[in-house]
Amino acid sequence: MLVELTRFKVKKGKTAEVDKWMALLNEHMDQVLLTLEDEKMYVETIFREVLEGEEFLYWYSVQGEDGIEVTNSAHEIDQLHLQYWEKCIDPDFKPADLETKVVMIPKKIRKMMS
């Protein structure tokens, strides 16, 4: 099981596009949840922050092994998601992976995830 929290920087001037992106995901959650099964993604959460005038998105995820990459997905919602990614995420900013220190998932839940 892989537990991650990663920070990505939003390109300047793309706040409105990020608003549309997050709305798309929320409005099509039934389709989004179907794609998570293929990725063996048990939990995926996106957080948003503005820090010292810079906007960031954080991805928190709990994922099983051997899931497909979102870039290999045939789901239309994933294709739209990747288009927004290209428009909004700053490729010059090195994503910051925060260090996992403690994972608190009860054994019975972990067993269901494997």
PDB file of N, CA and C in Angstrom:
ATOM      1  N   MET A   1       0.837  -1.170   0.000  1.00  0.00           N
ATOM      2  CA  MET A   1       0.000   0.000   0.000  1.00  0.00           C
ATOM      3  C   MET A   1       0.892   1.247   0.000  1.00  0.00           C
ATOM      4  N   LEU A   2       0.519   2.210  -0.813  1.00  0.00           N
ATOM      5  CA  LEU A   2       1.278   3.445  -0.950  1.00  0.00           C
ATOM      6  C   LEU A   2       0.433   4.601  -0.438  1.00  0.00           C
ATOM      7  N   VAL A   3       0.968   5.335   0.534  1.00  0.00           N
ATOM      8  CA  VAL A   3       0.281   6.505   1.092  1.00  0.00           C
ATOM      9  C   VAL A   3       1.132   7.721   0.752  1.00  0.00           C
ATOM     10  N   GLU A   4       0.522   8.702   0.067  1.00  0.00           N
ATOM     11  CA  GLU A   4       1.282   9.859  -0.406  1.00  0.00           C
ATOM     12  C   GLU A   4       0.526  11.161  -0.177  1.00  0.00           C
ATOM     13  N   LEU A   5       1.304  12.220  -0.006  1.00  0.00           N
ATOM     14  CA  LEU A   5       0.802  13.588  -0.021  1.00  0.00           C
ATOM     15  C   LEU A   5       1.815  14.397  -0.816  1.00  0.00           C
ATOM     16  N   THR A   6       1.366  14.967  -1.932  1.00  0.00           N
ATOM     17  CA  THR A   6       2.268  15.683  -2.835  1.00  0.00           C
ATOM     18  C   THR A   6       1.694  17.053  -3.153  1.00  0.00           C
ATOM     19  N   ARG A   7       2.588  18.058  -3.154  1.00  0.00           N
ATOM     20  CA  ARG A   7       2.203  19.438  -3.457  1.00  0.00           C
ATOM     21  C   ARG A   7       2.617  19.786  -4.875  1.00  0.00           C
ATOM     22  N   PHE A   8       1.687  20.385  -5.625  1.00  0.00           N
ATOM     23  CA  PHE A   8       1.931  20.858  -6.979  1.00  0.00           C
ATOM     24  C   PHE A   8       1.584  22.341  -7.044  1.00  0.00           C
ATOM     25  N   LYS A   9       2.362  23.078  -7.801  1.00  0.00           N
ATOM     26  CA  LYS A   9       2.117  24.520  -7.940  1.00  0.00           C
ATOM     27  C   LYS A   9       1.218  24.772  -9.142  1.00  0.00           C
ATOM     28  N   VAL A  10       0.259  25.678  -8.948  1.00  0.00           N
ATOM     29  CA  VAL A  10      -0.648  26.087 -10.019  1.00  0.00           C
ATOM     30  C   VAL A  10       0.020  27.216 -10.804  1.00  0.00           C
ATOM     31  N   LYS A  11      -0.115  27.161 -12.126  1.00  0.00           N
ATOM     32  CA  LYS A  11       0.418  28.226 -12.970  1.00  0.00           C
ATOM     33  C   LYS A  11      -0.268  29.548 -12.631  1.00  0.00           C
ATOM     34  N   LYS A  12       0.472  30.628 -12.714  1.00  0.00           N
ATOM     35  CA  LYS A  12      -0.083  31.964 -12.490  1.00  0.00           C
ATOM     36  C   LYS A  12      -1.263  32.197 -13.435  1.00  0.00           C
ATOM     37  N   GLY A  13      -2.305  32.809 -12.911  1.00  0.00           N
ATOM     38  CA  GLY A  13      -3.454  33.160 -13.724  1.00  0.00           C
ATOM     39  C   GLY A  13      -4.405  32.019 -14.023  1.00  0.00           C
ATOM     40  N   LYS A  14      -4.219  30.872 -13.393  1.00  0.00           N
ATOM     41  CA  LYS A  14      -5.051  29.703 -13.702  1.00  0.00           C
ATOM     42  C   LYS A  14      -6.074  29.365 -12.605  1.00  0.00           C
ATOM     43  N   THR A  15      -6.290  30.282 -11.678  1.00  0.00           N
ATOM     44  CA  THR A  15      -7.231  30.024 -10.587  1.00  0.00           C
ATOM     45  C   THR A  15      -8.622  29.682 -11.099  1.00  0.00           C
ATOM     46  N   ALA A  16      -9.124  30.425 -12.080  1.00  0.00           N
ATOM     47  CA  ALA A  16     -10.456  30.158 -12.628  1.00  0.00           C
ATOM     48  C   ALA A  16     -10.509  28.778 -13.294  1.00  0.00           C
ATOM     49  N   GLU A  17      -9.420  28.382 -13.960  1.00  0.00           N
ATOM     50  CA  GLU A  17      -9.372  27.045 -14.581  1.00  0.00           C
ATOM     51  C   GLU A  17      -9.379  25.958 -13.509  1.00  0.00           C
ATOM     52  N   VAL A  18      -8.669  26.205 -12.411  1.00  0.00           N
ATOM     53  CA  VAL A  18      -8.675  25.228 -11.310  1.00  0.00           C
ATOM     54  C   VAL A  18     -10.079  25.120 -10.730  1.00  0.00           C
ATOM     55  N   ASP A  19     -10.781  26.257 -10.605  1.00  0.00           N
ATOM     56  CA  ASP A  19     -12.167  26.220 -10.133  1.00  0.00           C
ATOM     57  C   ASP A  19     -13.009  25.301 -11.020  1.00  0.00           C
ATOM     58  N   LYS A  20     -12.867  25.443 -12.344  1.00  0.00           N
ATOM     59  CA  LYS A  20     -13.613  24.614 -13.297  1.00  0.00           C
ATOM     60  C   LYS A  20     -13.223  23.141 -13.162  1.00  0.00           C
ATOM     61  N   TRP A  21     -11.929  22.897 -12.995  1.00  0.00           N
ATOM     62  CA  TRP A  21     -11.398  21.537 -12.866  1.00  0.00           C
ATOM     63  C   TRP A  21     -11.998  20.834 -11.647  1.00  0.00           C
ATOM     64  N   MET A  22     -11.934  21.521 -10.506  1.00  0.00           N
ATOM     65  CA  MET A  22     -12.450  20.919  -9.273  1.00  0.00           C
ATOM     66  C   MET A  22     -13.966  20.716  -9.373  1.00  0.00           C
ATOM     67  N   ALA A  23     -14.659  21.654 -10.004  1.00  0.00           N
ATOM     68  CA  ALA A  23     -16.105  21.512 -10.205  1.00  0.00           C
ATOM     69  C   ALA A  23     -16.401  20.304 -11.097  1.00  0.00           C
ATOM     70  N   LEU A  24     -15.619  20.133 -12.158  1.00  0.00           N
ATOM     71  CA  LEU A  24     -15.785  18.983 -13.050  1.00  0.00           C
ATOM     72  C   LEU A  24     -15.679  17.676 -12.270  1.00  0.00           C
ATOM     73  N   LEU A  25     -14.649  17.555 -11.466  1.00  0.00           N
ATOM     74  CA  LEU A  25     -14.451  16.326 -10.692  1.00  0.00           C
ATOM     75  C   LEU A  25     -15.602  16.093  -9.715  1.00  0.00           C
ATOM     76  N   ASN A  26     -16.008  17.159  -9.018  1.00  0.00           N
ATOM     77  CA  ASN A  26     -17.104  17.024  -8.058  1.00  0.00           C
ATOM     78  C   ASN A  26     -18.434  16.703  -8.743  1.00  0.00           C
ATOM     79  N   GLU A  27     -18.689  17.322  -9.881  1.00  0.00           N
ATOM     80  CA  GLU A  27     -19.953  17.118 -10.588  1.00  0.00           C
ATOM     81  C   GLU A  27     -20.047  15.752 -11.268  1.00  0.00           C
ATOM     82  N   HIS A  28     -18.914  15.124 -11.521  1.00  0.00           N
ATOM     83  CA  HIS A  28     -18.896  13.814 -12.182  1.00  0.00           C
ATOM     84  C   HIS A  28     -18.276  12.743 -11.275  1.00  0.00           C
ATOM     85  N   MET A  29     -18.567  12.854  -9.994  1.00  0.00           N
ATOM     86  CA  MET A  29     -17.952  11.956  -9.010  1.00  0.00           C
ATOM     87  C   MET A  29     -18.253  10.493  -9.299  1.00  0.00           C
ATOM     88  N   ASP A  30     -19.435  10.175  -9.821  1.00  0.00           N
ATOM     89  CA  ASP A  30     -19.736   8.776 -10.128  1.00  0.00           C
ATOM     90  C   ASP A  30     -18.752   8.217 -11.143  1.00  0.00           C
ATOM     91  N   GLN A  31     -18.391   9.006 -12.152  1.00  0.00           N
ATOM     92  CA  GLN A  31     -17.405   8.576 -13.158  1.00  0.00           C
ATOM     93  C   GLN A  31     -15.999   8.531 -12.563  1.00  0.00           C
ATOM     94  N   VAL A  32     -15.683   9.529 -11.730  1.00  0.00           N
ATOM     95  CA  VAL A  32     -14.365   9.582 -11.081  1.00  0.00           C
ATOM     96  C   VAL A  32     -14.140   8.326 -10.237  1.00  0.00           C
ATOM     97  N   LEU A  33     -15.140   7.951  -9.477  1.00  0.00           N
ATOM     98  CA  LEU A  33     -14.996   6.790  -8.597  1.00  0.00           C
ATOM     99  C   LEU A  33     -14.775   5.507  -9.383  1.00  0.00           C
ATOM    100  N   LEU A  34     -15.359   5.409 -10.572  1.00  0.00           N
ATOM    101  CA  LEU A  34     -15.114   4.235 -11.419  1.00  0.00           C
ATOM    102  C   LEU A  34     -13.652   4.146 -11.840  1.00  0.00           C
ATOM    103  N   THR A  35     -13.048   5.277 -12.132  1.00  0.00           N
ATOM    104  CA  THR A  35     -11.643   5.267 -12.561  1.00  0.00           C
ATOM    105  C   THR A  35     -10.716   4.869 -11.420  1.00  0.00           C
ATOM    106  N   LEU A  36     -11.110   5.206 -10.204  1.00  0.00           N
ATOM    107  CA  LEU A  36     -10.261   4.874  -9.056  1.00  0.00           C
ATOM    108  C   LEU A  36     -10.106   3.372  -8.891  1.00  0.00           C
ATOM    109  N   GLU A  37     -11.124   2.633  -9.257  1.00  0.00           N
ATOM    110  CA  GLU A  37     -11.038   1.172  -9.161  1.00  0.00           C
ATOM    111  C   GLU A  37      -9.912   0.632 -10.033  1.00  0.00           C
ATOM    112  N   ASP A  38      -9.817   1.137 -11.257  1.00  0.00           N
ATOM    113  CA  ASP A  38      -8.750   0.695 -12.165  1.00  0.00           C
ATOM    114  C   ASP A  38      -7.363   1.034 -11.628  1.00  0.00           C
ATOM    115  N   GLU A  39      -7.270   2.158 -10.938  1.00  0.00           N
ATOM    116  CA  GLU A  39      -5.992   2.617 -10.388  1.00  0.00           C
ATOM    117  C   GLU A  39      -5.658   1.963  -9.049  1.00  0.00           C
ATOM    118  N   LYS A  40      -6.600   1.166  -8.531  1.00  0.00           N
ATOM    119  CA  LYS A  40      -6.482   0.601  -7.179  1.00  0.00           C
ATOM    120  C   LYS A  40      -6.252   1.719  -6.159  1.00  0.00           C
ATOM    121  N   MET A  41      -6.957   2.821  -6.388  1.00  0.00           N
ATOM    122  CA  MET A  41      -6.877   3.998  -5.528  1.00  0.00           C
ATOM    123  C   MET A  41      -8.003   3.894  -4.504  1.00  0.00           C
ATOM    124  N   TYR A  42      -7.632   3.704  -3.240  1.00  0.00           N
ATOM    125  CA  TYR A  42      -8.622   3.545  -2.186  1.00  0.00           C
ATOM    126  C   TYR A  42      -9.135   4.889  -1.693  1.00  0.00           C
ATOM    127  N   VAL A  43      -8.241   5.864  -1.630  1.00  0.00           N
ATOM    128  CA  VAL A  43      -8.589   7.215  -1.183  1.00  0.00           C
ATOM    129  C   VAL A  43      -7.789   8.186  -2.024  1.00  0.00           C
ATOM    130  N   GLU A  44      -8.464   9.201  -2.548  1.00  0.00           N
ATOM    131  CA  GLU A  44      -7.753  10.282  -3.231  1.00  0.00           C
ATOM    132  C   GLU A  44      -8.482  11.570  -2.883  1.00  0.00           C
ATOM    133  N   THR A  45      -7.742  12.513  -2.364  1.00  0.00           N
ATOM    134  CA  THR A  45      -8.304  13.784  -1.930  1.00  0.00           C
ATOM    135  C   THR A  45      -7.412  14.902  -2.446  1.00  0.00           C
ATOM    136  N   ILE A  46      -8.032  15.967  -2.937  1.00  0.00           N
ATOM    137  CA  ILE A  46      -7.282  17.126  -3.428  1.00  0.00           C
ATOM    138  C   ILE A  46      -7.550  18.292  -2.487  1.00  0.00           C
ATOM    139  N   PHE A  47      -6.479  18.900  -2.017  1.00  0.00           N
ATOM    140  CA  PHE A  47      -6.549  20.091  -1.169  1.00  0.00           C
ATOM    141  C   PHE A  47      -6.005  21.276  -1.955  1.00  0.00           C
ATOM    142  N   ARG A  48      -6.433  22.465  -1.576  1.00  0.00           N
ATOM    143  CA  ARG A  48      -6.012  23.684  -2.274  1.00  0.00           C
ATOM    144  C   ARG A  48      -5.559  24.704  -1.244  1.00  0.00           C
ATOM    145  N   GLU A  49      -4.476  25.432  -1.585  1.00  0.00           N
ATOM    146  CA  GLU A  49      -3.934  26.424  -0.660  1.00  0.00           C
ATOM    147  C   GLU A  49      -3.318  27.575  -1.448  1.00  0.00           C
ATOM    148  N   VAL A  50      -3.480  28.786  -0.919  1.00  0.00           N
ATOM    149  CA  VAL A  50      -2.743  29.940  -1.427  1.00  0.00           C
ATOM    150  C   VAL A  50      -1.782  30.333  -0.317  1.00  0.00           C
ATOM    151  N   LEU A  51      -0.499  30.354  -0.663  1.00  0.00           N
ATOM    152  CA  LEU A  51       0.553  30.625   0.315  1.00  0.00           C
ATOM    153  C   LEU A  51       1.469  31.695  -0.251  1.00  0.00           C
ATOM    154  N   GLU A  52       1.513  32.833   0.423  1.00  0.00           N
ATOM    155  CA  GLU A  52       2.353  33.953  -0.012  1.00  0.00           C
ATOM    156  C   GLU A  52       2.119  34.305  -1.485  1.00  0.00           C
ATOM    157  N   GLY A  53       0.839  34.322  -1.872  1.00  0.00           N
ATOM    158  CA  GLY A  53       0.472  34.702  -3.225  1.00  0.00           C
ATOM    159  C   GLY A  53       0.601  33.610  -4.279  1.00  0.00           C
ATOM    160  N   GLU A  54       1.072  32.438  -3.903  1.00  0.00           N
ATOM    161  CA  GLU A  54       1.215  31.305  -4.829  1.00  0.00           C
ATOM    162  C   GLU A  54       0.137  30.280  -4.510  1.00  0.00           C
ATOM    163  N   GLU A  55      -0.435  29.710  -5.566  1.00  0.00           N
ATOM    164  CA  GLU A  55      -1.490  28.719  -5.376  1.00  0.00           C
ATOM    165  C   GLU A  55      -0.939  27.306  -5.554  1.00  0.00           C
ATOM    166  N   PHE A  56      -1.375  26.410  -4.669  1.00  0.00           N
ATOM    167  CA  PHE A  56      -0.917  25.023  -4.694  1.00  0.00           C
ATOM    168  C   PHE A  56      -2.100  24.070  -4.582  1.00  0.00           C
ATOM    169  N   LEU A  57      -1.949  22.920  -5.199  1.00  0.00           N
ATOM    170  CA  LEU A  57      -2.868  21.806  -5.013  1.00  0.00           C
ATOM    171  C   LEU A  57      -2.081  20.670  -4.383  1.00  0.00           C
ATOM    172  N   TYR A  58      -2.706  19.999  -3.446  1.00  0.00           N
ATOM    173  CA  TYR A  58      -2.091  18.870  -2.759  1.00  0.00           C
ATOM    174  C   TYR A  58      -2.927  17.630  -3.049  1.00  0.00           C
ATOM    175  N   TRP A  59      -2.266  16.551  -3.420  1.00  0.00           N
ATOM    176  CA  TRP A  59      -2.935  15.270  -3.638  1.00  0.00           C
ATOM    177  C   TRP A  59      -2.574  14.351  -2.487  1.00  0.00           C
ATOM    178  N   TYR A  60      -3.586  13.870  -1.767  1.00  0.00           N
ATOM    179  CA  TYR A  60      -3.406  12.858  -0.732  1.00  0.00           C
ATOM    180  C   TYR A  60      -4.018  11.573  -1.278  1.00  0.00           C
ATOM    181  N   SER A  61      -3.272  10.487  -1.202  1.00  0.00           N
ATOM    182  CA  SER A  61      -3.814   9.233  -1.731  1.00  0.00           C
ATOM    183  C   SER A  61      -3.349   8.029  -0.930  1.00  0.00           C
ATOM    184  N   VAL A  62      -4.203   7.032  -0.957  1.00  0.00           N
ATOM    185  CA  VAL A  62      -3.899   5.707  -0.422  1.00  0.00           C
ATOM    186  C   VAL A  62      -4.203   4.759  -1.565  1.00  0.00           C
ATOM    187  N   GLN A  63      -3.163   4.075  -2.043  1.00  0.00           N
ATOM    188  CA  GLN A  63      -3.291   3.283  -3.256  1.00  0.00           C
ATOM    189  C   GLN A  63      -2.711   1.892  -3.054  1.00  0.00           C
ATOM    190  N   GLY A  64      -3.386   0.924  -3.661  1.00  0.00           N
ATOM    191  CA  GLY A  64      -2.891  -0.444  -3.655  1.00  0.00           C
ATOM    192  C   GLY A  64      -1.838  -0.628  -4.741  1.00  0.00           C
ATOM    193  N   GLU A  65      -1.325  -1.835  -4.829  1.00  0.00           N
ATOM    194  CA  GLU A  65      -0.291  -2.143  -5.817  1.00  0.00           C
ATOM    195  C   GLU A  65      -0.901  -2.544  -7.156  1.00  0.00           C
ATOM    196  N   ASP A  66      -0.146  -2.300  -8.221  1.00  0.00           N
ATOM    197  CA  ASP A  66      -0.481  -2.759  -9.570  1.00  0.00           C
ATOM    198  C   ASP A  66      -1.712  -2.108 -10.190  1.00  0.00           C
ATOM    199  N   GLY A  67      -2.044  -0.895  -9.769  1.00  0.00           N
ATOM    200  CA  GLY A  67      -3.125  -0.172 -10.429  1.00  0.00           C
ATOM    201  C   GLY A  67      -2.597   0.486 -11.696  1.00  0.00           C
ATOM    202  N   ILE A  68      -3.498   0.822 -12.608  1.00  0.00           N
ATOM    203  CA  ILE A  68      -3.052   1.495 -13.830  1.00  0.00           C
ATOM    204  C   ILE A  68      -2.769   2.966 -13.537  1.00  0.00           C
ATOM    205  N   GLU A  69      -1.913   3.563 -14.328  1.00  0.00           N
ATOM    206  CA  GLU A  69      -1.622   4.990 -14.216  1.00  0.00           C
ATOM    207  C   GLU A  69      -2.770   5.761 -14.863  1.00  0.00           C
ATOM    208  N   VAL A  70      -3.084   6.916 -14.312  1.00  0.00           N
ATOM    209  CA  VAL A  70      -4.152   7.742 -14.874  1.00  0.00           C
ATOM    210  C   VAL A  70      -3.863   8.083 -16.336  1.00  0.00           C
ATOM    211  N   THR A  71      -2.598   8.198 -16.694  1.00  0.00           N
ATOM    212  CA  THR A  71      -2.231   8.521 -18.078  1.00  0.00           C
ATOM    213  C   THR A  71      -2.556   7.380 -19.041  1.00  0.00           C
ATOM    214  N   ASN A  72      -2.784   6.174 -18.518  1.00  0.00           N
ATOM    215  CA  ASN A  72      -3.144   5.025 -19.351  1.00  0.00           C
ATOM    216  C   ASN A  72      -4.638   4.728 -19.336  1.00  0.00           C
ATOM    217  N   SER A  73      -5.396   5.585 -18.693  1.00  0.00           N
ATOM    218  CA  SER A  73      -6.832   5.359 -18.551  1.00  0.00           C
ATOM    219  C   SER A  73      -7.576   5.658 -19.848  1.00  0.00           C
ATOM    220  N   ALA A  74      -8.585   4.855 -20.113  1.00  0.00           N
ATOM    221  CA  ALA A  74      -9.447   5.077 -21.280  1.00  0.00           C
ATOM    222  C   ALA A  74     -10.708   5.862 -20.900  1.00  0.00           C
ATOM    223  N   HIS A  75     -10.892   6.163 -19.622  1.00  0.00           N
ATOM    224  CA  HIS A  75     -12.074   6.885 -19.160  1.00  0.00           C
ATOM    225  C   HIS A  75     -12.040   8.345 -19.617  1.00  0.00           C
ATOM    226  N   GLU A  76     -13.156   8.812 -20.142  1.00  0.00           N
ATOM    227  CA  GLU A  76     -13.239  10.200 -20.620  1.00  0.00           C
ATOM    228  C   GLU A  76     -12.952  11.208 -19.507  1.00  0.00           C
ATOM    229  N   ILE A  77     -13.445  10.944 -18.300  1.00  0.00           N
ATOM    230  CA  ILE A  77     -13.217  11.880 -17.200  1.00  0.00           C
ATOM    231  C   ILE A  77     -11.726  12.017 -16.906  1.00  0.00           C
ATOM    232  N   ASP A  78     -10.965  10.934 -17.049  1.00  0.00           N
ATOM    233  CA  ASP A  78      -9.518  11.003 -16.836  1.00  0.00           C
ATOM    234  C   ASP A  78      -8.844  11.822 -17.924  1.00  0.00           C
ATOM    235  N   GLN A  79      -9.336  11.720 -19.141  1.00  0.00           N
ATOM    236  CA  GLN A  79      -8.767  12.522 -20.238  1.00  0.00           C
ATOM    237  C   GLN A  79      -9.005  14.013 -19.977  1.00  0.00           C
ATOM    238  N   LEU A  80     -10.198  14.353 -19.501  1.00  0.00           N
ATOM    239  CA  LEU A  80     -10.496  15.752 -19.151  1.00  0.00           C
ATOM    240  C   LEU A  80      -9.638  16.206 -17.975  1.00  0.00           C
ATOM    241  N   HIS A  81      -9.491  15.336 -16.999  1.00  0.00           N
ATOM    242  CA  HIS A  81      -8.662  15.621 -15.825  1.00  0.00           C
ATOM    243  C   HIS A  81      -7.219  15.928 -16.257  1.00  0.00           C
ATOM    244  N   LEU A  82      -6.683  15.135 -17.161  1.00  0.00           N
ATOM    245  CA  LEU A  82      -5.304  15.347 -17.638  1.00  0.00           C
ATOM    246  C   LEU A  82      -5.180  16.629 -18.463  1.00  0.00           C
ATOM    247  N   GLN A  83      -6.230  16.987 -19.195  1.00  0.00           N
ATOM    248  CA  GLN A  83      -6.204  18.253 -19.942  1.00  0.00           C
ATOM    249  C   GLN A  83      -6.130  19.441 -18.988  1.00  0.00           C
ATOM    250  N   TYR A  84      -6.916  19.395 -17.909  1.00  0.00           N
ATOM    251  CA  TYR A  84      -6.842  20.464 -16.908  1.00  0.00           C
ATOM    252  C   TYR A  84      -5.469  20.477 -16.242  1.00  0.00           C
ATOM    253  N   TRP A  85      -4.929  19.288 -15.981  1.00  0.00           N
ATOM    254  CA  TRP A  85      -3.592  19.195 -15.384  1.00  0.00           C
ATOM    255  C   TRP A  85      -2.587  19.970 -16.237  1.00  0.00           C
ATOM    256  N   GLU A  86      -2.604  19.716 -17.534  1.00  0.00           N
ATOM    257  CA  GLU A  86      -1.676  20.383 -18.454  1.00  0.00           C
ATOM    258  C   GLU A  86      -1.865  21.895 -18.447  1.00  0.00           C
ATOM    259  N   LYS A  87      -3.118  22.339 -18.388  1.00  0.00           N
ATOM    260  CA  LYS A  87      -3.422  23.769 -18.387  1.00  0.00           C
ATOM    261  C   LYS A  87      -3.003  24.451 -17.087  1.00  0.00           C
ATOM    262  N   CYS A  88      -3.129  23.738 -15.974  1.00  0.00           N
ATOM    263  CA  CYS A  88      -3.065  24.377 -14.664  1.00  0.00           C
ATOM    264  C   CYS A  88      -1.815  24.122 -13.830  1.00  0.00           C
ATOM    265  N   ILE A  89      -1.170  22.988 -13.975  1.00  0.00           N
ATOM    266  CA  ILE A  89      -0.051  22.637 -13.095  1.00  0.00           C
ATOM    267  C   ILE A  89       1.259  23.120 -13.706  1.00  0.00           C
ATOM    268  N   ASP A  90       2.042  23.822 -12.895  1.00  0.00           N
ATOM    269  CA  ASP A  90       3.320  24.398 -13.328  1.00  0.00           C
ATOM    270  C   ASP A  90       4.371  23.289 -13.470  1.00  0.00           C
ATOM    271  N   PRO A  91       4.805  23.007 -14.704  1.00  0.00           N
ATOM    272  CA  PRO A  91       5.770  21.924 -14.903  1.00  0.00           C
ATOM    273  C   PRO A  91       7.186  22.285 -14.437  1.00  0.00           C
ATOM    274  N   ASP A  92       7.432  23.568 -14.201  1.00  0.00           N
ATOM    275  CA  ASP A  92       8.756  24.007 -13.758  1.00  0.00           C
ATOM    276  C   ASP A  92       8.944  23.879 -12.247  1.00  0.00           C
ATOM    277  N   PHE A  93       7.862  23.658 -11.521  1.00  0.00           N
ATOM    278  CA  PHE A  93       7.928  23.489 -10.071  1.00  0.00           C
ATOM    279  C   PHE A  93       8.061  22.009  -9.767  1.00  0.00           C
ATOM    280  N   LYS A  94       9.120  21.652  -9.061  1.00  0.00           N
ATOM    281  CA  LYS A  94       9.315  20.246  -8.694  1.00  0.00           C
ATOM    282  C   LYS A  94       8.279  19.866  -7.641  1.00  0.00           C
ATOM    283  N   PRO A  95       7.424  18.883  -7.935  1.00  0.00           N
ATOM    284  CA  PRO A  95       6.430  18.474  -6.940  1.00  0.00           C
ATOM    285  C   PRO A  95       7.100  18.106  -5.627  1.00  0.00           C
ATOM    286  N   ALA A  96       6.460  18.498  -4.537  1.00  0.00           N
ATOM    287  CA  ALA A  96       7.023  18.241  -3.210  1.00  0.00           C
ATOM    288  C   ALA A  96       6.275  17.078  -2.579  1.00  0.00           C
ATOM    289  N   ASP A  97       6.961  15.952  -2.420  1.00  0.00           N
ATOM    290  CA  ASP A  97       6.391  14.803  -1.729  1.00  0.00           C
ATOM    291  C   ASP A  97       6.653  14.966  -0.240  1.00  0.00           C
ATOM    292  N   LEU A  98       5.595  15.072   0.544  1.00  0.00           N
ATOM    293  CA  LEU A  98       5.765  15.172   1.980  1.00  0.00           C
ATOM    294  C   LEU A  98       6.076  13.788   2.527  1.00  0.00           C
ATOM    295  N   GLU A  99       6.866  13.752   3.558  1.00  0.00           N
ATOM    296  CA  GLU A  99       7.331  12.473   4.104  1.00  0.00           C
ATOM    297  C   GLU A  99       6.268  11.842   5.001  1.00  0.00           C
ATOM    298  N   THR A 100       5.914  10.613   4.698  1.00  0.00           N
ATOM    299  CA  THR A 100       4.952   9.868   5.512  1.00  0.00           C
ATOM    300  C   THR A 100       5.642   9.426   6.798  1.00  0.00           C
ATOM    301  N   LYS A 101       5.041   9.752   7.931  1.00  0.00           N
ATOM    302  CA  LYS A 101       5.609   9.385   9.225  1.00  0.00           C
ATOM    303  C   LYS A 101       4.772   8.340   9.956  1.00  0.00           C
ATOM    304  N   VAL A 102       3.452   8.466   9.868  1.00  0.00           N
ATOM    305  CA  VAL A 102       2.566   7.545  10.568  1.00  0.00           C
ATOM    306  C   VAL A 102       1.355   7.296   9.676  1.00  0.00           C
ATOM    307  N   VAL A 103       0.989   6.033   9.502  1.00  0.00           N
ATOM    308  CA  VAL A 103      -0.208   5.671   8.758  1.00  0.00           C
ATOM    309  C   VAL A 103      -1.151   4.995   9.745  1.00  0.00           C
ATOM    310  N   MET A 104      -2.288   5.623   9.959  1.00  0.00           N
ATOM    311  CA  MET A 104      -3.251   5.102  10.928  1.00  0.00           C
ATOM    312  C   MET A 104      -4.474   4.572  10.199  1.00  0.00           C
ATOM    313  N   ILE A 105      -4.387   3.321   9.808  1.00  0.00           N
ATOM    314  CA  ILE A 105      -5.501   2.631   9.162  1.00  0.00           C
ATOM    315  C   ILE A 105      -5.691   1.329   9.930  1.00  0.00           C
ATOM    316  N   PRO A 106      -6.858   1.144  10.520  1.00  0.00           N
ATOM    317  CA  PRO A 106      -7.085  -0.085  11.295  1.00  0.00           C
ATOM    318  C   PRO A 106      -6.861  -1.333  10.438  1.00  0.00           C
ATOM    319  N   LYS A 107      -6.419  -2.393  11.095  1.00  0.00           N
ATOM    320  CA  LYS A 107      -6.108  -3.650  10.399  1.00  0.00           C
ATOM    321  C   LYS A 107      -7.279  -4.157   9.571  1.00  0.00           C
ATOM    322  N   LYS A 108      -8.496  -4.069  10.097  1.00  0.00           N
ATOM    323  CA  LYS A 108      -9.650  -4.595   9.355  1.00  0.00           C
ATOM    324  C   LYS A 108      -9.876  -3.785   8.066  1.00  0.00           C
ATOM    325  N   ILE A 109      -9.572  -2.503   8.077  1.00  0.00           N
ATOM    326  CA  ILE A 109      -9.706  -1.673   6.880  1.00  0.00           C
ATOM    327  C   ILE A 109      -8.565  -1.993   5.919  1.00  0.00           C
ATOM    328  N   ARG A 110      -7.348  -2.121   6.430  1.00  0.00           N
ATOM    329  CA  ARG A 110      -6.199  -2.502   5.579  1.00  0.00           C
ATOM    330  C   ARG A 110      -6.457  -3.830   4.874  1.00  0.00           C
ATOM    331  N   LYS A 111      -7.035  -4.772   5.608  1.00  0.00           N
ATOM    332  CA  LYS A 111      -7.319  -6.090   5.035  1.00  0.00           C
ATOM    333  C   LYS A 111      -8.299  -5.963   3.869  1.00  0.00           C
ATOM    334  N   MET A 112      -9.281  -5.089   4.008  1.00  0.00           N
ATOM    335  CA  MET A 112     -10.257  -4.866   2.946  1.00  0.00           C
ATOM    336  C   MET A 112      -9.611  -4.193   1.733  1.00  0.00           C
ATOM    337  N   MET A 113      -8.551  -3.448   1.969  1.00  0.00           N
ATOM    338  CA  MET A 113      -7.863  -2.746   0.889  1.00  0.00           C
ATOM    339  C   MET A 113      -6.940  -3.652   0.081  1.00  0.00           C
ATOM    340  N   SER A 114      -6.525  -4.755   0.662  1.00  0.00           N
ATOM    341  CA  SER A 114      -5.564  -5.596  -0.049  1.00  0.00           C
ATOM    342  C   SER A 114      -6.223  -6.671  -0.878  1.00  0.00           C
TER     343      SER A 114
END
